[in-house]
Amino acid sequence: MVTAIILINTERTKINDVAEQLAEMAGVSEVYSVSGKYDLIVIVRVGSNDDLADLVTKKMLRIDAIVNSETMLAFKAFSRHDLEAMFSVGM
């Protein structure tokens, strides 16, 4: 499983439209509108790096209102939420 965090800038009047389009894409687990330097943060969970490349370079590229993006790969999860979910299997 590959997890990536994608930081996105959009045209100012299209933030909600872009967020909705992204949320519908396979592999996108969460989309947040945020304050600060970026307009949206997208959490992606896909099976392989090839799946991530396809999402970023083919599917996201079709959204004209995306002005800029920065993709970061997650190496390891340290979230208490993730650890609790892992150990609660079967309970």
PDB file of N, CA and C in Angstrom:
ATOM      1  N   MET A   1       0.842  -1.176   0.000  1.00  0.00           N
ATOM      2  CA  MET A   1       0.000   0.000   0.000  1.00  0.00           C
ATOM      3  C   MET A   1       0.890   1.244   0.000  1.00  0.00           C
ATOM      4  N   VAL A   2       0.611   2.140  -0.905  1.00  0.00           N
ATOM      5  CA  VAL A   2       1.339   3.408  -1.006  1.00  0.00           C
ATOM      6  C   VAL A   2       0.419   4.520  -0.511  1.00  0.00           C
ATOM      7  N   THR A   3       0.915   5.315   0.421  1.00  0.00           N
ATOM      8  CA  THR A   3       0.178   6.470   0.912  1.00  0.00           C
ATOM      9  C   THR A   3       0.911   7.724   0.469  1.00  0.00           C
ATOM     10  N   ALA A   4       0.166   8.679  -0.062  1.00  0.00           N
ATOM     11  CA  ALA A   4       0.753   9.944  -0.495  1.00  0.00           C
ATOM     12  C   ALA A   4      -0.110  11.095  -0.005  1.00  0.00           C
ATOM     13  N   ILE A   5       0.534  12.208   0.223  1.00  0.00           N
ATOM     14  CA  ILE A   5      -0.145  13.457   0.575  1.00  0.00           C
ATOM     15  C   ILE A   5       0.114  14.409  -0.582  1.00  0.00           C
ATOM     16  N   ILE A   6      -0.961  14.939  -1.158  1.00  0.00           N
ATOM     17  CA  ILE A   6      -0.820  15.833  -2.295  1.00  0.00           C
ATOM     18  C   ILE A   6      -1.336  17.216  -1.895  1.00  0.00           C
ATOM     19  N   LEU A   7      -0.480  18.214  -2.028  1.00  0.00           N
ATOM     20  CA  LEU A   7      -0.817  19.605  -1.732  1.00  0.00           C
ATOM     21  C   LEU A   7      -1.181  20.277  -3.049  1.00  0.00           C
ATOM     22  N   ILE A   8      -2.329  20.942  -3.077  1.00  0.00           N
ATOM     23  CA  ILE A   8      -2.850  21.471  -4.339  1.00  0.00           C
ATOM     24  C   ILE A   8      -3.233  22.931  -4.225  1.00  0.00           C
ATOM     25  N   ASN A   9      -2.886  23.693  -5.255  1.00  0.00           N
ATOM     26  CA  ASN A   9      -3.399  25.048  -5.462  1.00  0.00           C
ATOM     27  C   ASN A   9      -4.345  25.005  -6.650  1.00  0.00           C
ATOM     28  N   THR A  10      -5.476  25.688  -6.510  1.00  0.00           N
ATOM     29  CA  THR A  10      -6.478  25.716  -7.570  1.00  0.00           C
ATOM     30  C   THR A  10      -6.793  27.166  -7.931  1.00  0.00           C
ATOM     31  N   GLU A  11      -7.550  27.311  -8.991  1.00  0.00           N
ATOM     32  CA  GLU A  11      -8.124  28.629  -9.267  1.00  0.00           C
ATOM     33  C   GLU A  11      -9.033  28.954  -8.080  1.00  0.00           C
ATOM     34  N   ARG A  12      -8.995  30.194  -7.613  1.00  0.00           N
ATOM     35  CA  ARG A  12      -9.689  30.568  -6.378  1.00  0.00           C
ATOM     36  C   ARG A  12     -11.183  30.271  -6.381  1.00  0.00           C
ATOM     37  N   THR A  13     -11.835  30.392  -7.499  1.00  0.00           N
ATOM     38  CA  THR A  13     -13.283  30.176  -7.543  1.00  0.00           C
ATOM     39  C   THR A  13     -13.651  28.709  -7.755  1.00  0.00           C
ATOM     40  N   LYS A  14     -12.655  27.838  -7.854  1.00  0.00           N
ATOM     41  CA  LYS A  14     -12.909  26.428  -8.194  1.00  0.00           C
ATOM     42  C   LYS A  14     -12.515  25.444  -7.092  1.00  0.00           C
ATOM     43  N   ILE A  15     -12.193  25.932  -5.912  1.00  0.00           N
ATOM     44  CA  ILE A  15     -11.707  25.052  -4.848  1.00  0.00           C
ATOM     45  C   ILE A  15     -12.698  23.928  -4.556  1.00  0.00           C
ATOM     46  N   ASN A  16     -13.949  24.262  -4.344  1.00  0.00           N
ATOM     47  CA  ASN A  16     -14.943  23.237  -4.009  1.00  0.00           C
ATOM     48  C   ASN A  16     -15.173  22.267  -5.161  1.00  0.00           C
ATOM     49  N   ASP A  17     -15.206  22.775  -6.386  1.00  0.00           N
ATOM     50  CA  ASP A  17     -15.390  21.908  -7.554  1.00  0.00           C
ATOM     51  C   ASP A  17     -14.249  20.905  -7.673  1.00  0.00           C
ATOM     52  N   VAL A  18     -13.029  21.392  -7.519  1.00  0.00           N
ATOM     53  CA  VAL A  18     -11.865  20.517  -7.608  1.00  0.00           C
ATOM     54  C   VAL A  18     -11.902  19.485  -6.490  1.00  0.00           C
ATOM     55  N   ALA A  19     -12.225  19.903  -5.282  1.00  0.00           N
ATOM     56  CA  ALA A  19     -12.289  18.983  -4.140  1.00  0.00           C
ATOM     57  C   ALA A  19     -13.292  17.867  -4.404  1.00  0.00           C
ATOM     58  N   GLU A  20     -14.437  18.205  -4.947  1.00  0.00           N
ATOM     59  CA  GLU A  20     -15.454  17.195  -5.235  1.00  0.00           C
ATOM     60  C   GLU A  20     -14.998  16.223  -6.317  1.00  0.00           C
ATOM     61  N   GLN A  21     -14.337  16.741  -7.344  1.00  0.00           N
ATOM     62  CA  GLN A  21     -13.824  15.870  -8.406  1.00  0.00           C
ATOM     63  C   GLN A  21     -12.757  14.918  -7.870  1.00  0.00           C
ATOM     64  N   LEU A  22     -11.873  15.435  -7.033  1.00  0.00           N
ATOM     65  CA  LEU A  22     -10.826  14.604  -6.457  1.00  0.00           C
ATOM     66  C   LEU A  22     -11.401  13.527  -5.548  1.00  0.00           C
ATOM     67  N   ALA A  23     -12.384  13.889  -4.746  1.00  0.00           N
ATOM     68  CA  ALA A  23     -12.977  12.952  -3.794  1.00  0.00           C
ATOM     69  C   ALA A  23     -13.625  11.757  -4.491  1.00  0.00           C
ATOM     70  N   GLU A  24     -14.025  11.932  -5.735  1.00  0.00           N
ATOM     71  CA  GLU A  24     -14.661  10.859  -6.497  1.00  0.00           C
ATOM     72  C   GLU A  24     -13.657   9.892  -7.124  1.00  0.00           C
ATOM     73  N   MET A  25     -12.390  10.234  -7.130  1.00  0.00           N
ATOM     74  CA  MET A  25     -11.376   9.410  -7.797  1.00  0.00           C
ATOM     75  C   MET A  25     -11.000   8.194  -6.950  1.00  0.00           C
ATOM     76  N   ALA A  26     -10.851   7.066  -7.614  1.00  0.00           N
ATOM     77  CA  ALA A  26     -10.393   5.850  -6.935  1.00  0.00           C
ATOM     78  C   ALA A  26      -9.001   6.092  -6.376  1.00  0.00           C
ATOM     79  N   GLY A  27      -8.801   5.694  -5.131  1.00  0.00           N
ATOM     80  CA  GLY A  27      -7.503   5.876  -4.479  1.00  0.00           C
ATOM     81  C   GLY A  27      -7.436   7.086  -3.583  1.00  0.00           C
ATOM     82  N   VAL A  28      -8.336   8.043  -3.795  1.00  0.00           N
ATOM     83  CA  VAL A  28      -8.367   9.237  -2.943  1.00  0.00           C
ATOM     84  C   VAL A  28      -9.222   8.912  -1.727  1.00  0.00           C
ATOM     85  N   SER A  29      -8.607   8.949  -0.541  1.00  0.00           N
ATOM     86  CA  SER A  29      -9.364   8.602   0.658  1.00  0.00           C
ATOM     87  C   SER A  29      -9.939   9.823   1.369  1.00  0.00           C
ATOM     88  N   GLU A  30      -9.242  10.971   1.270  1.00  0.00           N
ATOM     89  CA  GLU A  30      -9.718  12.184   1.934  1.00  0.00           C
ATOM     90  C   GLU A  30      -9.265  13.410   1.162  1.00  0.00           C
ATOM     91  N   VAL A  31     -10.107  14.447   1.189  1.00  0.00           N
ATOM     92  CA  VAL A  31      -9.755  15.739   0.608  1.00  0.00           C
ATOM     93  C   VAL A  31     -10.131  16.805   1.631  1.00  0.00           C
ATOM     94  N   TYR A  32      -9.184  17.666   1.961  1.00  0.00           N
ATOM     95  CA  TYR A  32      -9.416  18.733   2.931  1.00  0.00           C
ATOM     96  C   TYR A  32      -9.191  20.087   2.272  1.00  0.00           C
ATOM     97  N   SER A  33     -10.104  21.016   2.481  1.00  0.00           N
ATOM     98  CA  SER A  33      -9.811  22.412   2.145  1.00  0.00           C
ATOM     99  C   SER A  33      -9.131  22.994   3.377  1.00  0.00           C
ATOM    100  N   VAL A  34      -8.065  23.755   3.150  1.00  0.00           N
ATOM    101  CA  VAL A  34      -7.234  24.215   4.261  1.00  0.00           C
ATOM    102  C   VAL A  34      -6.863  25.685   4.099  1.00  0.00           C
ATOM    103  N   SER A  35      -6.404  26.265   5.189  1.00  0.00           N
ATOM    104  CA  SER A  35      -5.864  27.623   5.124  1.00  0.00           C
ATOM    105  C   SER A  35      -4.366  27.530   4.873  1.00  0.00           C
ATOM    106  N   GLY A  36      -3.783  28.642   4.496  1.00  0.00           N
ATOM    107  CA  GLY A  36      -2.335  28.665   4.308  1.00  0.00           C
ATOM    108  C   GLY A  36      -1.934  28.707   2.852  1.00  0.00           C
ATOM    109  N   LYS A  37      -0.758  28.187   2.572  1.00  0.00           N
ATOM    110  CA  LYS A  37      -0.145  28.270   1.248  1.00  0.00           C
ATOM    111  C   LYS A  37      -0.897  27.455   0.183  1.00  0.00           C
ATOM    112  N   TYR A  38      -1.564  26.386   0.598  1.00  0.00           N
ATOM    113  CA  TYR A  38      -2.274  25.512  -0.334  1.00  0.00           C
ATOM    114  C   TYR A  38      -3.774  25.619  -0.131  1.00  0.00           C
ATOM    115  N   ASP A  39      -4.518  25.229  -1.150  1.00  0.00           N
ATOM    116  CA  ASP A  39      -5.985  25.271  -1.079  1.00  0.00           C
ATOM    117  C   ASP A  39      -6.566  23.940  -0.624  1.00  0.00           C
ATOM    118  N   LEU A  40      -5.953  22.848  -1.067  1.00  0.00           N
ATOM    119  CA  LEU A  40      -6.459  21.512  -0.754  1.00  0.00           C
ATOM    120  C   LEU A  40      -5.319  20.590  -0.354  1.00  0.00           C
ATOM    121  N   ILE A  41      -5.629  19.673   0.547  1.00  0.00           N
ATOM    122  CA  ILE A  41      -4.728  18.571   0.869  1.00  0.00           C
ATOM    123  C   ILE A  41      -5.481  17.282   0.568  1.00  0.00           C
ATOM    124  N   VAL A  42      -4.843  16.414  -0.207  1.00  0.00           N
ATOM    125  CA  VAL A  42      -5.465  15.165  -0.634  1.00  0.00           C
ATOM    126  C   VAL A  42      -4.653  14.004  -0.064  1.00  0.00           C
ATOM    127  N   ILE A  43      -5.341  13.072   0.589  1.00  0.00           N
ATOM    128  CA  ILE A  43      -4.702  11.866   1.097  1.00  0.00           C
ATOM    129  C   ILE A  43      -5.047  10.739   0.130  1.00  0.00           C
ATOM    130  N   VAL A  44      -4.006  10.097  -0.383  1.00  0.00           N
ATOM    131  CA  VAL A  44      -4.177   9.040  -1.379  1.00  0.00           C
ATOM    132  C   VAL A  44      -3.625   7.740  -0.818  1.00  0.00           C
ATOM    133  N   ARG A  45      -4.377   6.665  -1.010  1.00  0.00           N
ATOM    134  CA  ARG A  45      -3.916   5.321  -0.647  1.00  0.00           C
ATOM    135  C   ARG A  45      -4.183   4.414  -1.841  1.00  0.00           C
ATOM    136  N   VAL A  46      -3.096   3.967  -2.456  1.00  0.00           N
ATOM    137  CA  VAL A  46      -3.193   3.126  -3.656  1.00  0.00           C
ATOM    138  C   VAL A  46      -2.292   1.907  -3.493  1.00  0.00           C
ATOM    139  N   GLY A  47      -2.448   0.951  -4.395  1.00  0.00           N
ATOM    140  CA  GLY A  47      -1.716  -0.298  -4.285  1.00  0.00           C
ATOM    141  C   GLY A  47      -0.249  -0.226  -4.656  1.00  0.00           C
ATOM    142  N   SER A  48       0.114   0.680  -5.547  1.00  0.00           N
ATOM    143  CA  SER A  48       1.503   0.703  -6.020  1.00  0.00           C
ATOM    144  C   SER A  48       1.904   2.109  -6.461  1.00  0.00           C
ATOM    145  N   ASN A  49       3.190   2.285  -6.676  1.00  0.00           N
ATOM    146  CA  ASN A  49       3.690   3.557  -7.192  1.00  0.00           C
ATOM    147  C   ASN A  49       3.137   3.825  -8.593  1.00  0.00           C
ATOM    148  N   ASP A  50       2.953   2.771  -9.373  1.00  0.00           N
ATOM    149  CA  ASP A  50       2.371   2.941 -10.708  1.00  0.00           C
ATOM    150  C   ASP A  50       0.949   3.479 -10.615  1.00  0.00           C
ATOM    151  N   ASP A  51       0.176   3.004  -9.636  1.00  0.00           N
ATOM    152  CA  ASP A  51      -1.183   3.513  -9.425  1.00  0.00           C
ATOM    153  C   ASP A  51      -1.153   4.989  -9.044  1.00  0.00           C
ATOM    154  N   LEU A  52      -0.191   5.363  -8.211  1.00  0.00           N
ATOM    155  CA  LEU A  52      -0.048   6.764  -7.818  1.00  0.00           C
ATOM    156  C   LEU A  52       0.326   7.611  -9.028  1.00  0.00           C
ATOM    157  N   ALA A  53       1.262   7.143  -9.815  1.00  0.00           N
ATOM    158  CA  ALA A  53       1.675   7.872 -11.022  1.00  0.00           C
ATOM    159  C   ALA A  53       0.497   8.060 -11.965  1.00  0.00           C
ATOM    160  N   ASP A  54      -0.322   7.037 -12.119  1.00  0.00           N
ATOM    161  CA  ASP A  54      -1.498   7.127 -12.986  1.00  0.00           C
ATOM    162  C   ASP A  54      -2.480   8.171 -12.463  1.00  0.00           C
ATOM    163  N   LEU A  55      -2.705   8.170 -11.158  1.00  0.00           N
ATOM    164  CA  LEU A  55      -3.627   9.132 -10.551  1.00  0.00           C
ATOM    165  C   LEU A  55      -3.135  10.564 -10.733  1.00  0.00           C
ATOM    166  N   VAL A  56      -1.849  10.796 -10.469  1.00  0.00           N
ATOM    167  CA  VAL A  56      -1.302  12.158 -10.504  1.00  0.00           C
ATOM    168  C   VAL A  56      -1.087  12.652 -11.935  1.00  0.00           C
ATOM    169  N   THR A  57      -0.526  11.805 -12.788  1.00  0.00           N
ATOM    170  CA  THR A  57      -0.129  12.282 -14.120  1.00  0.00           C
ATOM    171  C   THR A  57      -1.169  12.090 -15.205  1.00  0.00           C
ATOM    172  N   LYS A  58      -2.212  11.337 -14.914  1.00  0.00           N
ATOM    173  CA  LYS A  58      -3.269  11.150 -15.914  1.00  0.00           C
ATOM    174  C   LYS A  58      -4.607  11.688 -15.430  1.00  0.00           C
ATOM    175  N   LYS A  59      -5.092  11.172 -14.297  1.00  0.00           N
ATOM    176  CA  LYS A  59      -6.434  11.540 -13.828  1.00  0.00           C
ATOM    177  C   LYS A  59      -6.501  12.973 -13.294  1.00  0.00           C
ATOM    178  N   MET A  60      -5.555  13.336 -12.419  1.00  0.00           N
ATOM    179  CA  MET A  60      -5.572  14.698 -11.869  1.00  0.00           C
ATOM    180  C   MET A  60      -5.256  15.737 -12.930  1.00  0.00           C
ATOM    181  N   LEU A  61      -4.484  15.356 -13.909  1.00  0.00           N
ATOM    182  CA  LEU A  61      -4.094  16.275 -14.979  1.00  0.00           C
ATOM    183  C   LEU A  61      -5.301  16.748 -15.787  1.00  0.00           C
ATOM    184  N   ARG A  62      -6.373  15.975 -15.757  1.00  0.00           N
ATOM    185  CA  ARG A  62      -7.600  16.334 -16.487  1.00  0.00           C
ATOM    186  C   ARG A  62      -8.396  17.456 -15.812  1.00  0.00           C
ATOM    187  N   ILE A  63      -8.055  17.783 -14.583  1.00  0.00           N
ATOM    188  CA  ILE A  63      -8.767  18.845 -13.861  1.00  0.00           C
ATOM    189  C   ILE A  63      -8.068  20.171 -14.164  1.00  0.00           C
ATOM    190  N   ASP A  64      -8.653  20.953 -15.061  1.00  0.00           N
ATOM    191  CA  ASP A  64      -8.022  22.184 -15.537  1.00  0.00           C
ATOM    192  C   ASP A  64      -7.792  23.218 -14.444  1.00  0.00           C
ATOM    193  N   ALA A  65      -8.631  23.234 -13.420  1.00  0.00           N
ATOM    194  CA  ALA A  65      -8.547  24.274 -12.389  1.00  0.00           C
ATOM    195  C   ALA A  65      -7.412  24.045 -11.390  1.00  0.00           C
ATOM    196  N   ILE A  66      -6.722  22.901 -11.473  1.00  0.00           N
ATOM    197  CA  ILE A  66      -5.543  22.696 -10.626  1.00  0.00           C
ATOM    198  C   ILE A  66      -4.399  23.496 -11.228  1.00  0.00           C
ATOM    199  N   VAL A  67      -3.870  24.425 -10.442  1.00  0.00           N
ATOM    200  CA  VAL A  67      -2.806  25.313 -10.897  1.00  0.00           C
ATOM    201  C   VAL A  67      -1.440  24.715 -10.595  1.00  0.00           C
ATOM    202  N   ASN A  68      -1.311  24.075  -9.425  1.00  0.00           N
ATOM    203  CA  ASN A  68      -0.029  23.553  -8.987  1.00  0.00           C
ATOM    204  C   ASN A  68      -0.276  22.431  -7.984  1.00  0.00           C
ATOM    205  N   SER A  69       0.631  21.457  -7.958  1.00  0.00           N
ATOM    206  CA  SER A  69       0.518  20.404  -6.946  1.00  0.00           C
ATOM    207  C   SER A  69       1.903  19.945  -6.519  1.00  0.00           C
ATOM    208  N   GLU A  70       1.962  19.409  -5.321  1.00  0.00           N
ATOM    209  CA  GLU A  70       3.187  18.845  -4.781  1.00  0.00           C
ATOM    210  C   GLU A  70       2.821  17.523  -4.118  1.00  0.00           C
ATOM    211  N   THR A  71       3.448  16.451  -4.559  1.00  0.00           N
ATOM    212  CA  THR A  71       3.134  15.122  -4.057  1.00  0.00           C
ATOM    213  C   THR A  71       4.241  14.637  -3.140  1.00  0.00           C
ATOM    214  N   MET A  72       3.844  14.163  -1.955  1.00  0.00           N
ATOM    215  CA  MET A  72       4.794  13.641  -0.986  1.00  0.00           C
ATOM    216  C   MET A  72       4.426  12.203  -0.659  1.00  0.00           C
ATOM    217  N   LEU A  73       5.407  11.298  -0.679  1.00  0.00           N
ATOM    218  CA  LEU A  73       5.180   9.906  -0.306  1.00  0.00           C
ATOM    219  C   LEU A  73       5.348   9.747   1.196  1.00  0.00           C
ATOM    220  N   ALA A  74       4.438   9.009   1.799  1.00  0.00           N
ATOM    221  CA  ALA A  74       4.550   8.704   3.225  1.00  0.00           C
ATOM    222  C   ALA A  74       5.391   7.440   3.385  1.00  0.00           C
ATOM    223  N   PHE A  75       6.384   7.491   4.268  1.00  0.00           N
ATOM    224  CA  PHE A  75       7.236   6.331   4.509  1.00  0.00           C
ATOM    225  C   PHE A  75       6.675   5.420   5.588  1.00  0.00           C
ATOM    226  N   LYS A  76       6.199   6.026   6.683  1.00  0.00           N
ATOM    227  CA  LYS A  76       5.776   5.258   7.844  1.00  0.00           C
ATOM    228  C   LYS A  76       4.687   6.029   8.585  1.00  0.00           C
ATOM    229  N   ALA A  77       3.707   5.304   9.119  1.00  0.00           N
ATOM    230  CA  ALA A  77       2.618   5.946   9.869  1.00  0.00           C
ATOM    231  C   ALA A  77       2.911   5.860  11.363  1.00  0.00           C
ATOM    232  N   PHE A  78       2.713   6.973  12.044  1.00  0.00           N
ATOM    233  CA  PHE A  78       2.891   7.022  13.485  1.00  0.00           C
ATOM    234  C   PHE A  78       1.607   7.429  14.203  1.00  0.00           C
ATOM    235  N   SER A  79       0.520   7.467  13.486  1.00  0.00           N
ATOM    236  CA  SER A  79      -0.757   7.915  14.023  1.00  0.00           C
ATOM    237  C   SER A  79      -1.321   6.925  15.031  1.00  0.00           C
ATOM    238  N   ARG A  80      -1.769   7.438  16.160  1.00  0.00           N
ATOM    239  CA  ARG A  80      -2.415   6.597  17.167  1.00  0.00           C
ATOM    240  C   ARG A  80      -3.660   5.955  16.564  1.00  0.00           C
ATOM    241  N   HIS A  81      -4.372   6.691  15.742  1.00  0.00           N
ATOM    242  CA  HIS A  81      -5.579   6.177  15.091  1.00  0.00           C
ATOM    243  C   HIS A  81      -5.252   4.927  14.270  1.00  0.00           C
ATOM    244  N   ASP A  82      -4.185   4.958  13.490  1.00  0.00           N
ATOM    245  CA  ASP A  82      -3.794   3.815  12.678  1.00  0.00           C
ATOM    246  C   ASP A  82      -3.390   2.627  13.539  1.00  0.00           C
ATOM    247  N   LEU A  83      -2.662   2.890  14.625  1.00  0.00           N
ATOM    248  CA  LEU A  83      -2.233   1.814  15.508  1.00  0.00           C
ATOM    249  C   LEU A  83      -3.424   1.167  16.201  1.00  0.00           C
ATOM    250  N   GLU A  84      -4.383   1.959  16.667  1.00  0.00           N
ATOM    251  CA  GLU A  84      -5.572   1.429  17.322  1.00  0.00           C
ATOM    252  C   GLU A  84      -6.379   0.584  16.346  1.00  0.00           C
ATOM    253  N   ALA A  85      -6.511   1.029  15.112  1.00  0.00           N
ATOM    254  CA  ALA A  85      -7.260   0.269  14.103  1.00  0.00           C
ATOM    255  C   ALA A  85      -6.593  -1.065  13.831  1.00  0.00           C
ATOM    256  N   MET A  86      -5.276  -1.088  13.794  1.00  0.00           N
ATOM    257  CA  MET A  86      -4.538  -2.315  13.514  1.00  0.00           C
ATOM    258  C   MET A  86      -4.748  -3.346  14.623  1.00  0.00           C
ATOM    259  N   PHE A  87      -4.731  -2.915  15.886  1.00  0.00           N
ATOM    260  CA  PHE A  87      -4.847  -3.832  16.993  1.00  0.00           C
ATOM    261  C   PHE A  87      -6.295  -4.146  17.380  1.00  0.00           C
ATOM    262  N   SER A  88      -7.270  -3.486  16.797  1.00  0.00           N
ATOM    263  CA  SER A  88      -8.660  -3.758  17.145  1.00  0.00           C
ATOM    264  C   SER A  88      -9.316  -4.767  16.201  1.00  0.00           C
ATOM    265  N   VAL A  89      -8.552  -5.348  15.309  1.00  0.00           N
ATOM    266  CA  VAL A  89      -9.091  -6.331  14.372  1.00  0.00           C
ATOM    267  C   VAL A  89      -9.627  -7.528  15.169  1.00  0.00           C
ATOM    268  N   GLY A  90     -10.876  -7.866  14.903  1.00  0.00           N
ATOM    269  CA  GLY A  90     -11.471  -9.026  15.563  1.00  0.00           C
ATOM    270  C   GLY A  90     -12.054  -8.748  16.922  1.00  0.00           C
ATOM    271  N   MET A  91     -12.030  -7.521  17.375  1.00  0.00           N
ATOM    272  CA  MET A  91     -12.574  -7.225  18.709  1.00  0.00           C
ATOM    273  C   MET A  91     -13.926  -6.588  18.601  1.00  0.00           C
TER     274      MET A  91
END
